[in-house]
Amino acid sequence: MDSTVAGKRQGRQADHKVDKNYHFHGTFTAKDNHTIQYSDKFSFPVGLDIGTIKIAGKVKFTS
């Protein structure tokens, strides 16, 4: 996962292989009025080919 918090680039989270039943999760730390932007790519086998899902989003934290 690539991300920025309040405009500052965060360290990239590690690539890893998981079981098909794995629940994807993560943790971000943000303060009030901080915005987190994120993006990631998930690749998986489909028959003899590889499928890919790309995600991206932006969240603003307010109290």
N, C-alpha and C. Protein backbone atom coordinates (compact mmCIF):
# COMPACT_ATOMS: atom_id res chain seq x y z
N MET A 1 0.85 -1.17 0.00
CA MET A 1 0.00 0.00 0.00
C MET A 1 0.89 1.23 0.00
N ASP A 2 0.65 2.13 -0.90
CA ASP A 2 1.29 3.45 -0.91
C ASP A 2 0.32 4.43 -0.29
N SER A 3 0.81 5.36 0.53
CA SER A 3 -0.10 6.32 1.14
C SER A 3 0.62 7.61 1.52
N THR A 4 -0.19 8.66 1.67
CA THR A 4 0.27 9.93 2.23
C THR A 4 -0.68 10.30 3.36
N VAL A 5 -0.16 10.94 4.40
CA VAL A 5 -0.96 11.45 5.50
C VAL A 5 -0.61 12.92 5.64
N ALA A 6 -1.63 13.77 5.52
CA ALA A 6 -1.44 15.23 5.59
C ALA A 6 -0.37 15.67 4.58
N GLY A 7 -0.36 15.04 3.41
CA GLY A 7 0.57 15.41 2.35
C GLY A 7 1.97 14.82 2.47
N LYS A 8 2.25 14.08 3.55
CA LYS A 8 3.58 13.47 3.72
C LYS A 8 3.53 12.00 3.32
N ARG A 9 4.42 11.62 2.41
CA ARG A 9 4.48 10.24 1.95
C ARG A 9 4.87 9.32 3.11
N GLN A 10 4.15 8.21 3.24
CA GLN A 10 4.40 7.23 4.28
C GLN A 10 5.22 6.08 3.70
N GLY A 11 5.84 5.31 4.56
CA GLY A 11 6.60 4.15 4.10
C GLY A 11 5.68 3.15 3.42
N ARG A 12 6.18 2.51 2.38
CA ARG A 12 5.38 1.51 1.65
C ARG A 12 5.26 0.26 2.50
N GLN A 13 4.05 -0.26 2.58
CA GLN A 13 3.84 -1.49 3.32
C GLN A 13 4.32 -2.67 2.48
N ALA A 14 4.76 -3.74 3.12
CA ALA A 14 5.44 -4.85 2.46
C ALA A 14 4.53 -5.66 1.55
N ASP A 15 5.05 -6.03 0.37
CA ASP A 15 4.36 -6.98 -0.51
C ASP A 15 4.37 -8.34 0.17
N HIS A 16 3.29 -9.09 0.03
CA HIS A 16 3.28 -10.45 0.58
C HIS A 16 2.18 -11.28 -0.09
N LYS A 17 2.36 -12.59 -0.04
CA LYS A 17 1.39 -13.53 -0.59
C LYS A 17 0.56 -14.08 0.56
N VAL A 18 -0.76 -14.22 0.30
CA VAL A 18 -1.67 -14.68 1.35
C VAL A 18 -2.64 -15.71 0.79
N ASP A 19 -3.29 -16.43 1.67
CA ASP A 19 -4.31 -17.41 1.33
C ASP A 19 -5.54 -16.72 0.72
N LYS A 20 -6.33 -17.45 -0.07
CA LYS A 20 -7.50 -16.86 -0.73
C LYS A 20 -8.55 -16.36 0.26
N ASN A 21 -8.52 -16.80 1.51
CA ASN A 21 -9.49 -16.37 2.52
C ASN A 21 -8.98 -15.23 3.40
N TYR A 22 -7.82 -14.69 3.06
CA TYR A 22 -7.20 -13.63 3.86
C TYR A 22 -8.07 -12.37 3.88
N HIS A 23 -8.21 -11.75 5.03
CA HIS A 23 -8.94 -10.49 5.19
C HIS A 23 -7.93 -9.35 5.15
N PHE A 24 -7.95 -8.55 4.09
CA PHE A 24 -7.00 -7.45 3.97
C PHE A 24 -7.32 -6.38 5.00
N HIS A 25 -6.28 -5.82 5.61
CA HIS A 25 -6.46 -4.83 6.66
C HIS A 25 -5.22 -3.95 6.73
N GLY A 26 -5.32 -2.89 7.47
CA GLY A 26 -4.18 -2.00 7.65
C GLY A 26 -4.49 -0.94 8.68
N THR A 27 -3.48 -0.19 9.07
CA THR A 27 -3.64 0.85 10.07
C THR A 27 -2.99 2.13 9.58
N PHE A 28 -3.71 3.23 9.70
CA PHE A 28 -3.17 4.55 9.40
C PHE A 28 -3.35 5.41 10.64
N THR A 29 -2.41 6.30 10.89
CA THR A 29 -2.51 7.23 12.01
C THR A 29 -2.70 8.63 11.44
N ALA A 30 -3.77 9.29 11.88
CA ALA A 30 -4.05 10.64 11.40
C ALA A 30 -4.64 11.46 12.53
N LYS A 31 -4.43 12.76 12.45
CA LYS A 31 -5.01 13.69 13.41
C LYS A 31 -6.22 14.36 12.79
N ASP A 32 -6.97 15.10 13.60
CA ASP A 32 -8.14 15.83 13.12
C ASP A 32 -7.77 16.71 11.92
N ASN A 33 -8.58 16.67 10.90
CA ASN A 33 -8.42 17.42 9.66
C ASN A 33 -7.28 16.94 8.77
N HIS A 34 -6.67 15.81 9.10
CA HIS A 34 -5.68 15.21 8.20
C HIS A 34 -6.40 14.42 7.11
N THR A 35 -5.81 14.40 5.94
CA THR A 35 -6.34 13.62 4.83
C THR A 35 -5.36 12.49 4.52
N ILE A 36 -5.89 11.29 4.34
CA ILE A 36 -5.09 10.14 3.92
C ILE A 36 -5.47 9.80 2.49
N GLN A 37 -4.47 9.68 1.62
CA GLN A 37 -4.66 9.18 0.27
C GLN A 37 -3.94 7.85 0.18
N TYR A 38 -4.54 6.87 -0.49
CA TYR A 38 -3.93 5.55 -0.56
C TYR A 38 -4.18 4.91 -1.92
N SER A 39 -3.31 3.97 -2.28
CA SER A 39 -3.49 3.18 -3.50
C SER A 39 -2.77 1.85 -3.34
N ASP A 40 -3.28 0.84 -4.00
CA ASP A 40 -2.65 -0.47 -3.94
C ASP A 40 -3.10 -1.30 -5.14
N LYS A 41 -2.42 -2.41 -5.36
CA LYS A 41 -2.73 -3.32 -6.46
C LYS A 41 -2.69 -4.74 -5.91
N PHE A 42 -3.73 -5.51 -6.21
CA PHE A 42 -3.83 -6.90 -5.80
C PHE A 42 -3.79 -7.78 -7.04
N SER A 43 -2.89 -8.75 -7.07
CA SER A 43 -2.79 -9.68 -8.19
C SER A 43 -3.13 -11.09 -7.70
N PHE A 44 -3.79 -11.87 -8.56
CA PHE A 44 -4.23 -13.20 -8.16
C PHE A 44 -4.36 -14.09 -9.40
N PRO A 45 -4.18 -15.42 -9.21
CA PRO A 45 -4.28 -16.33 -10.36
C PRO A 45 -5.73 -16.50 -10.81
N VAL A 46 -5.92 -16.54 -12.13
CA VAL A 46 -7.23 -16.83 -12.74
C VAL A 46 -6.96 -17.85 -13.85
N GLY A 47 -7.18 -19.13 -13.56
CA GLY A 47 -6.83 -20.17 -14.53
C GLY A 47 -5.34 -20.12 -14.78
N LEU A 48 -4.96 -19.94 -16.05
CA LEU A 48 -3.54 -19.84 -16.40
C LEU A 48 -3.08 -18.39 -16.53
N ASP A 49 -3.93 -17.46 -16.16
CA ASP A 49 -3.62 -16.03 -16.29
C ASP A 49 -3.51 -15.38 -14.91
N ILE A 50 -3.27 -14.09 -14.87
CA ILE A 50 -3.19 -13.32 -13.63
C ILE A 50 -4.22 -12.20 -13.68
N GLY A 51 -5.05 -12.09 -12.64
CA GLY A 51 -6.01 -11.00 -12.53
C GLY A 51 -5.43 -9.91 -11.64
N THR A 52 -5.88 -8.68 -11.82
CA THR A 52 -5.39 -7.55 -11.02
C THR A 52 -6.55 -6.64 -10.64
N ILE A 53 -6.57 -6.23 -9.39
CA ILE A 53 -7.52 -5.22 -8.91
C ILE A 53 -6.70 -4.06 -8.37
N LYS A 54 -7.00 -2.85 -8.81
CA LYS A 54 -6.34 -1.65 -8.29
C LYS A 54 -7.35 -0.87 -7.47
N ILE A 55 -6.90 -0.40 -6.30
CA ILE A 55 -7.77 0.42 -5.45
C ILE A 55 -7.07 1.73 -5.14
N ALA A 56 -7.86 2.76 -4.87
CA ALA A 56 -7.31 4.06 -4.47
C ALA A 56 -8.44 4.83 -3.79
N GLY A 57 -8.06 5.71 -2.90
CA GLY A 57 -9.07 6.50 -2.22
C GLY A 57 -8.46 7.65 -1.45
N LYS A 58 -9.34 8.44 -0.89
CA LYS A 58 -8.94 9.63 -0.12
C LYS A 58 -9.95 9.77 1.01
N VAL A 59 -9.46 9.92 2.24
CA VAL A 59 -10.31 10.05 3.41
C VAL A 59 -9.84 11.23 4.24
N LYS A 60 -10.77 12.10 4.66
CA LYS A 60 -10.43 13.21 5.55
C LYS A 60 -11.03 12.94 6.92
N PHE A 61 -10.21 13.05 7.95
CA PHE A 61 -10.64 12.79 9.32
C PHE A 61 -11.05 14.08 10.01
N THR A 62 -12.27 14.10 10.53
CA THR A 62 -12.76 15.28 11.27
C THR A 62 -13.48 14.80 12.53
N SER A 63 -13.46 15.63 13.53
CA SER A 63 -14.15 15.24 14.77
C SER A 63 -15.53 15.84 14.81
